[in-house]
Amino acid sequence: MTGDTRTRAMSVYAAHFAARGYRGTSLEAVATEVGVRKPTLYHHFPGGKETLHKLVALDFIDRRGRSLQESLAAPGGLAAQLRAVIVGAVADPTGATSSFEQHLFDSLGQLEGDAEKELREAYVSRLLEPVTARLARAVAEGELADRDPALLCNAFLHLARAVDMAPGSPEETAAALVSLFLDGARAA
């Protein structure tokens, strides 16, 4: 398996995972689509499906985390930054949608041992903590009502997932979702 085939296996796995989740994704189907035998995947991804999953998930977390940091540093204040978070998630170059991220979160409870721990820590530190920290700053500065920043983060990220389902451009939808979130988060 060349590096290109390894990359293709990761890409095919990501597509199957986004559509079917962890339990619904089989190495046999990935191998068939890539054009290799299943033992070849085991050779290049020791630990099989769990190893392949971990690599794909960490790649996604790294990309999404970089995008998130850029979004949270955008000029224009909290509303502009939150809109950028939503639009940045939609603009993922691999086409990963909120269903991919939801399946990723769900998969954490389906993995075992070190893989579960490593992915959970990466997910929390790179995807949740930066948003929580920004919202904590907004609470401290009086931009938002005195609420638990972790609760605000959870509410915002769940609301942001609606961008995939809404009509209109991602920018229009992001503006509407951020407005809805901030109206509620600012209420005393």
C-alpha atoms as a PDB file:
ATOM      1  CA  MET A   1       0.000   0.000   0.000  1.00  0.00           C
ATOM      2  CA  THR A   2       1.517   3.266  -1.019  1.00  0.00           C
ATOM      3  CA  GLY A   3       1.126   6.503   0.905  1.00  0.00           C
ATOM      4  CA  ASP A   4      -1.579   7.511  -1.562  1.00  0.00           C
ATOM      5  CA  THR A   5      -3.499   4.321  -0.893  1.00  0.00           C
ATOM      6  CA  ARG A   6      -3.090   4.796   2.855  1.00  0.00           C
ATOM      7  CA  THR A   7      -4.476   8.325   2.474  1.00  0.00           C
ATOM      8  CA  ARG A   8      -7.309   6.952   0.349  1.00  0.00           C
ATOM      9  CA  ALA A   9      -8.116   4.328   3.000  1.00  0.00           C
ATOM     10  CA  MET A  10      -8.385   7.096   5.588  1.00  0.00           C
ATOM     11  CA  SER A  11     -10.575   9.159   3.263  1.00  0.00           C
ATOM     12  CA  VAL A  12     -12.862   6.228   2.455  1.00  0.00           C
ATOM     13  CA  TYR A  13     -13.106   5.328   6.134  1.00  0.00           C
ATOM     14  CA  ALA A  14     -14.023   8.951   6.964  1.00  0.00           C
ATOM     15  CA  ALA A  15     -16.805   8.943   4.351  1.00  0.00           C
ATOM     16  CA  HIS A  16     -18.221   5.619   5.578  1.00  0.00           C
ATOM     17  CA  PHE A  17     -17.955   6.785   9.190  1.00  0.00           C
ATOM     18  CA  ALA A  18     -19.750  10.077   8.466  1.00  0.00           C
ATOM     19  CA  ALA A  19     -22.605   8.162   6.846  1.00  0.00           C
ATOM     20  CA  ARG A  20     -22.844   5.157   9.167  1.00  0.00           C
ATOM     21  CA  GLY A  21     -21.046   5.872  12.457  1.00  0.00           C
ATOM     22  CA  TYR A  22     -18.427   3.688  14.106  1.00  0.00           C
ATOM     23  CA  ARG A  23     -20.410   0.479  14.434  1.00  0.00           C
ATOM     24  CA  GLY A  24     -21.856   0.789  10.930  1.00  0.00           C
ATOM     25  CA  THR A  25     -18.463   1.149   9.253  1.00  0.00           C
ATOM     26  CA  SER A  26     -16.712  -2.074   8.256  1.00  0.00           C
ATOM     27  CA  LEU A  27     -13.099  -2.592   7.299  1.00  0.00           C
ATOM     28  CA  GLU A  28     -14.269  -5.022   4.623  1.00  0.00           C
ATOM     29  CA  ALA A  29     -16.265  -2.288   2.863  1.00  0.00           C
ATOM     30  CA  VAL A  30     -13.366   0.174   3.197  1.00  0.00           C
ATOM     31  CA  ALA A  31     -10.880  -2.354   1.810  1.00  0.00           C
ATOM     32  CA  THR A  32     -13.175  -3.180  -1.110  1.00  0.00           C
ATOM     33  CA  GLU A  33     -13.648   0.479  -2.038  1.00  0.00           C
ATOM     34  CA  VAL A  34      -9.916   1.179  -1.742  1.00  0.00           C
ATOM     35  CA  GLY A  35      -9.130  -1.890  -3.863  1.00  0.00           C
ATOM     36  CA  VAL A  36      -7.070  -3.815  -1.316  1.00  0.00           C
ATOM     37  CA  ARG A  37      -7.631  -6.864   0.808  1.00  0.00           C
ATOM     38  CA  LYS A  38      -8.696  -6.478   4.421  1.00  0.00           C
ATOM     39  CA  PRO A  39      -5.405  -7.961   5.777  1.00  0.00           C
ATOM     40  CA  THR A  40      -3.582  -5.148   3.952  1.00  0.00           C
ATOM     41  CA  LEU A  41      -5.466  -2.623   6.069  1.00  0.00           C
ATOM     42  CA  TYR A  42      -4.439  -4.487   9.218  1.00  0.00           C
ATOM     43  CA  HIS A  43      -0.832  -4.433   8.047  1.00  0.00           C
ATOM     44  CA  HIS A  44      -0.869  -0.651   7.609  1.00  0.00           C
ATOM     45  CA  PHE A  45      -3.228   0.137  10.475  1.00  0.00           C
ATOM     46  CA  PRO A  46      -2.145  -2.132  13.357  1.00  0.00           C
ATOM     47  CA  GLY A  47      -5.115  -2.606  15.604  1.00  0.00           C
ATOM     48  CA  GLY A  48      -7.404  -2.576  12.575  1.00  0.00           C
ATOM     49  CA  LYS A  49     -10.545  -0.494  12.675  1.00  0.00           C
ATOM     50  CA  GLU A  50      -9.779   1.160  16.020  1.00  0.00           C
ATOM     51  CA  THR A  51      -6.372   2.361  14.795  1.00  0.00           C
ATOM     52  CA  LEU A  52      -7.774   3.602  11.490  1.00  0.00           C
ATOM     53  CA  HIS A  53     -10.603   5.317  13.344  1.00  0.00           C
ATOM     54  CA  LYS A  54      -8.219   6.979  15.781  1.00  0.00           C
ATOM     55  CA  LEU A  55      -6.027   8.333  12.970  1.00  0.00           C
ATOM     56  CA  VAL A  56      -9.007   9.685  11.024  1.00  0.00           C
ATOM     57  CA  ALA A  57     -10.545  11.179  14.167  1.00  0.00           C
ATOM     58  CA  LEU A  58      -7.296  12.839  15.285  1.00  0.00           C
ATOM     59  CA  ASP A  59      -6.805  14.285  11.805  1.00  0.00           C
ATOM     60  CA  PHE A  60     -10.325  15.740  11.929  1.00  0.00           C
ATOM     61  CA  ILE A  61      -9.815  17.095  15.466  1.00  0.00           C
ATOM     62  CA  ASP A  62      -6.527  18.717  14.451  1.00  0.00           C
ATOM     63  CA  ARG A  63      -8.031  20.376  11.363  1.00  0.00           C
ATOM     64  CA  ARG A  64     -11.169  21.480  13.167  1.00  0.00           C
ATOM     65  CA  GLY A  65      -9.111  22.712  16.111  1.00  0.00           C
ATOM     66  CA  ARG A  66      -6.930  24.902  13.862  1.00  0.00           C
ATOM     67  CA  SER A  67     -10.026  26.314  12.160  1.00  0.00           C
ATOM     68  CA  LEU A  68     -11.620  26.942  15.545  1.00  0.00           C
ATOM     69  CA  GLN A  69      -8.572  28.857  16.811  1.00  0.00           C
ATOM     70  CA  GLU A  70      -8.599  31.037  13.686  1.00  0.00           C
ATOM     71  CA  SER A  71     -12.324  31.684  14.073  1.00  0.00           C
ATOM     72  CA  LEU A  72     -12.016  32.624  17.729  1.00  0.00           C
ATOM     73  CA  ALA A  73      -9.247  35.096  16.851  1.00  0.00           C
ATOM     74  CA  ALA A  74     -11.330  36.798  14.137  1.00  0.00           C
ATOM     75  CA  PRO A  75     -11.860  40.540  14.515  1.00  0.00           C
ATOM     76  CA  GLY A  76     -15.280  41.981  15.254  1.00  0.00           C
ATOM     77  CA  GLY A  77     -16.068  40.655  18.713  1.00  0.00           C
ATOM     78  CA  LEU A  78     -17.956  37.682  20.087  1.00  0.00           C
ATOM     79  CA  ALA A  79     -20.784  37.550  17.523  1.00  0.00           C
ATOM     80  CA  ALA A  80     -18.356  37.672  14.588  1.00  0.00           C
ATOM     81  CA  GLN A  81     -16.179  35.002  16.175  1.00  0.00           C
ATOM     82  CA  LEU A  82     -19.103  32.661  16.804  1.00  0.00           C
ATOM     83  CA  ARG A  83     -20.320  33.147  13.217  1.00  0.00           C
ATOM     84  CA  ALA A  84     -16.796  32.312  12.033  1.00  0.00           C
ATOM     85  CA  VAL A  85     -16.824  29.136  14.148  1.00  0.00           C
ATOM     86  CA  ILE A  86     -20.007  27.957  12.427  1.00  0.00           C
ATOM     87  CA  VAL A  87     -18.949  28.958   8.900  1.00  0.00           C
ATOM     88  CA  GLY A  88     -15.484  27.439   9.471  1.00  0.00           C
ATOM     89  CA  ALA A  89     -17.058  24.139  10.429  1.00  0.00           C
ATOM     90  CA  VAL A  90     -19.181  24.135   7.271  1.00  0.00           C
ATOM     91  CA  ALA A  91     -16.142  24.977   5.128  1.00  0.00           C
ATOM     92  CA  ASP A  92     -14.196  21.887   6.228  1.00  0.00           C
ATOM     93  CA  PRO A  93     -12.089  21.010   3.156  1.00  0.00           C
ATOM     94  CA  THR A  94     -12.801  17.297   3.535  1.00  0.00           C
ATOM     95  CA  GLY A  95     -16.525  17.887   3.552  1.00  0.00           C
ATOM     96  CA  ALA A  96     -16.900  16.611   7.112  1.00  0.00           C
ATOM     97  CA  THR A  97     -20.340  17.675   8.272  1.00  0.00           C
ATOM     98  CA  SER A  98     -21.876  17.980  11.689  1.00  0.00           C
ATOM     99  CA  SER A  99     -22.959  14.336  11.300  1.00  0.00           C
ATOM    100  CA  PHE A 100     -19.265  13.387  11.181  1.00  0.00           C
ATOM    101  CA  GLU A 101     -18.639  15.344  14.371  1.00  0.00           C
ATOM    102  CA  GLN A 102     -21.703  13.849  16.067  1.00  0.00           C
ATOM    103  CA  HIS A 103     -20.612  10.327  15.080  1.00  0.00           C
ATOM    104  CA  LEU A 104     -17.135  11.143  16.380  1.00  0.00           C
ATOM    105  CA  PHE A 105     -18.535  12.232  19.734  1.00  0.00           C
ATOM    106  CA  ASP A 106     -20.752   9.127  19.876  1.00  0.00           C
ATOM    107  CA  SER A 107     -17.811   6.859  19.014  1.00  0.00           C
ATOM    108  CA  LEU A 108     -15.965   7.890  22.159  1.00  0.00           C
ATOM    109  CA  GLY A 109     -18.187   5.581  24.176  1.00  0.00           C
ATOM    110  CA  GLN A 110     -17.628   2.715  21.734  1.00  0.00           C
ATOM    111  CA  LEU A 111     -13.835   2.609  21.880  1.00  0.00           C
ATOM    112  CA  GLU A 112     -11.684   1.003  24.514  1.00  0.00           C
ATOM    113  CA  GLY A 113      -8.668   1.926  26.573  1.00  0.00           C
ATOM    114  CA  ASP A 114      -6.034   4.291  25.263  1.00  0.00           C
ATOM    115  CA  ALA A 115      -7.800   5.099  21.987  1.00  0.00           C
ATOM    116  CA  GLU A 116     -10.904   6.292  23.819  1.00  0.00           C
ATOM    117  CA  LYS A 117      -8.857   8.294  26.311  1.00  0.00           C
ATOM    118  CA  GLU A 118      -6.643   9.895  23.660  1.00  0.00           C
ATOM    119  CA  LEU A 119      -9.574  10.896  21.449  1.00  0.00           C
ATOM    120  CA  ARG A 120     -11.640  12.201  24.361  1.00  0.00           C
ATOM    121  CA  GLU A 121      -8.748  14.331  25.617  1.00  0.00           C
ATOM    122  CA  ALA A 122      -8.053  15.688  22.111  1.00  0.00           C
ATOM    123  CA  TYR A 123     -11.751  16.414  21.511  1.00  0.00           C
ATOM    124  CA  VAL A 124     -12.128  18.272  24.795  1.00  0.00           C
ATOM    125  CA  SER A 125      -8.846  20.204  24.646  1.00  0.00           C
ATOM    126  CA  ARG A 126      -8.996  21.211  20.974  1.00  0.00           C
ATOM    127  CA  LEU A 127     -12.719  21.547  20.272  1.00  0.00           C
ATOM    128  CA  LEU A 128     -14.517  22.275  23.533  1.00  0.00           C
ATOM    129  CA  GLU A 129     -12.073  24.126  25.772  1.00  0.00           C
ATOM    130  CA  PRO A 130     -11.317  26.975  23.326  1.00  0.00           C
ATOM    131  CA  VAL A 131     -15.026  27.771  22.909  1.00  0.00           C
ATOM    132  CA  THR A 132     -15.629  27.414  26.641  1.00  0.00           C
ATOM    133  CA  ALA A 133     -12.713  29.769  27.374  1.00  0.00           C
ATOM    134  CA  ARG A 134     -14.013  32.386  24.922  1.00  0.00           C
ATOM    135  CA  LEU A 135     -17.494  32.208  26.420  1.00  0.00           C
ATOM    136  CA  ALA A 136     -16.020  32.412  29.950  1.00  0.00           C
ATOM    137  CA  ARG A 137     -14.264  35.614  28.906  1.00  0.00           C
ATOM    138  CA  ALA A 138     -17.550  36.977  27.530  1.00  0.00           C
ATOM    139  CA  VAL A 139     -19.270  36.204  30.848  1.00  0.00           C
ATOM    140  CA  ALA A 140     -16.432  37.816  32.813  1.00  0.00           C
ATOM    141  CA  GLU A 141     -16.578  40.925  30.626  1.00  0.00           C
ATOM    142  CA  GLY A 142     -20.362  41.193  31.012  1.00  0.00           C
ATOM    143  CA  GLU A 143     -21.141  40.415  27.340  1.00  0.00           C
ATOM    144  CA  LEU A 144     -23.207  37.415  28.461  1.00  0.00           C
ATOM    145  CA  ALA A 145     -25.293  36.731  31.551  1.00  0.00           C
ATOM    146  CA  ASP A 146     -23.580  35.025  34.475  1.00  0.00           C
ATOM    147  CA  ARG A 147     -23.948  31.425  33.308  1.00  0.00           C
ATOM    148  CA  ASP A 148     -21.723  28.367  33.367  1.00  0.00           C
ATOM    149  CA  PRO A 149     -19.395  28.701  30.329  1.00  0.00           C
ATOM    150  CA  ALA A 150     -19.370  24.926  29.792  1.00  0.00           C
ATOM    151  CA  LEU A 151     -23.182  24.952  29.555  1.00  0.00           C
ATOM    152  CA  LEU A 152     -23.017  27.897  27.149  1.00  0.00           C
ATOM    153  CA  CYS A 153     -20.452  26.036  25.023  1.00  0.00           C
ATOM    154  CA  ASN A 154     -22.627  22.925  24.903  1.00  0.00           C
ATOM    155  CA  ALA A 155     -25.712  24.953  23.966  1.00  0.00           C
ATOM    156  CA  PHE A 156     -23.867  26.910  21.284  1.00  0.00           C
ATOM    157  CA  LEU A 157     -22.267  23.870  19.657  1.00  0.00           C
ATOM    158  CA  HIS A 158     -25.541  21.946  19.594  1.00  0.00           C
ATOM    159  CA  LEU A 159     -27.356  24.924  18.094  1.00  0.00           C
ATOM    160  CA  ALA A 160     -24.539  25.393  15.553  1.00  0.00           C
ATOM    161  CA  ARG A 161     -25.118  21.876  14.203  1.00  0.00           C
ATOM    162  CA  ALA A 162     -28.384  23.120  12.729  1.00  0.00           C
ATOM    163  CA  VAL A 163     -26.383  24.911  10.021  1.00  0.00           C
ATOM    164  CA  ASP A 164     -26.361  21.687   7.958  1.00  0.00           C
ATOM    165  CA  MET A 165     -30.158  21.529   8.002  1.00  0.00           C
ATOM    166  CA  ALA A 166     -31.099  25.143   7.397  1.00  0.00           C
ATOM    167  CA  PRO A 167     -31.889  26.700   4.024  1.00  0.00           C
ATOM    168  CA  GLY A 168     -29.807  29.621   2.829  1.00  0.00           C
ATOM    169  CA  SER A 169     -26.103  30.235   2.769  1.00  0.00           C
ATOM    170  CA  PRO A 170     -23.899  29.140   5.671  1.00  0.00           C
ATOM    171  CA  GLU A 171     -23.187  32.809   6.411  1.00  0.00           C
ATOM    172  CA  GLU A 172     -26.900  33.701   6.638  1.00  0.00           C
ATOM    173  CA  THR A 173     -27.660  30.661   8.734  1.00  0.00           C
ATOM    174  CA  ALA A 174     -24.665  31.288  11.008  1.00  0.00           C
ATOM    175  CA  ALA A 175     -25.832  34.864  11.589  1.00  0.00           C
ATOM    176  CA  ALA A 176     -29.324  33.671  12.509  1.00  0.00           C
ATOM    177  CA  LEU A 177     -28.040  30.915  14.810  1.00  0.00           C
ATOM    178  CA  VAL A 178     -25.576  33.227  16.583  1.00  0.00           C
ATOM    179  CA  SER A 179     -28.291  35.828  17.052  1.00  0.00           C
ATOM    180  CA  LEU A 180     -30.593  33.206  18.540  1.00  0.00           C
ATOM    181  CA  PHE A 181     -27.834  31.939  20.849  1.00  0.00           C
ATOM    182  CA  LEU A 182     -26.728  35.390  21.993  1.00  0.00           C
ATOM    183  CA  ASP A 183     -30.297  36.564  22.621  1.00  0.00           C
ATOM    184  CA  GLY A 184     -30.742  33.676  25.035  1.00  0.00           C
ATOM    185  CA  ALA A 185     -27.235  33.819  26.509  1.00  0.00           C
ATOM    186  CA  ARG A 186     -27.525  37.540  27.229  1.00  0.00           C
ATOM    187  CA  ALA A 187     -30.884  37.210  29.013  1.00  0.00           C
ATOM    188  CA  ALA A 188     -30.610  37.532  32.759  1.00  0.00           C
END
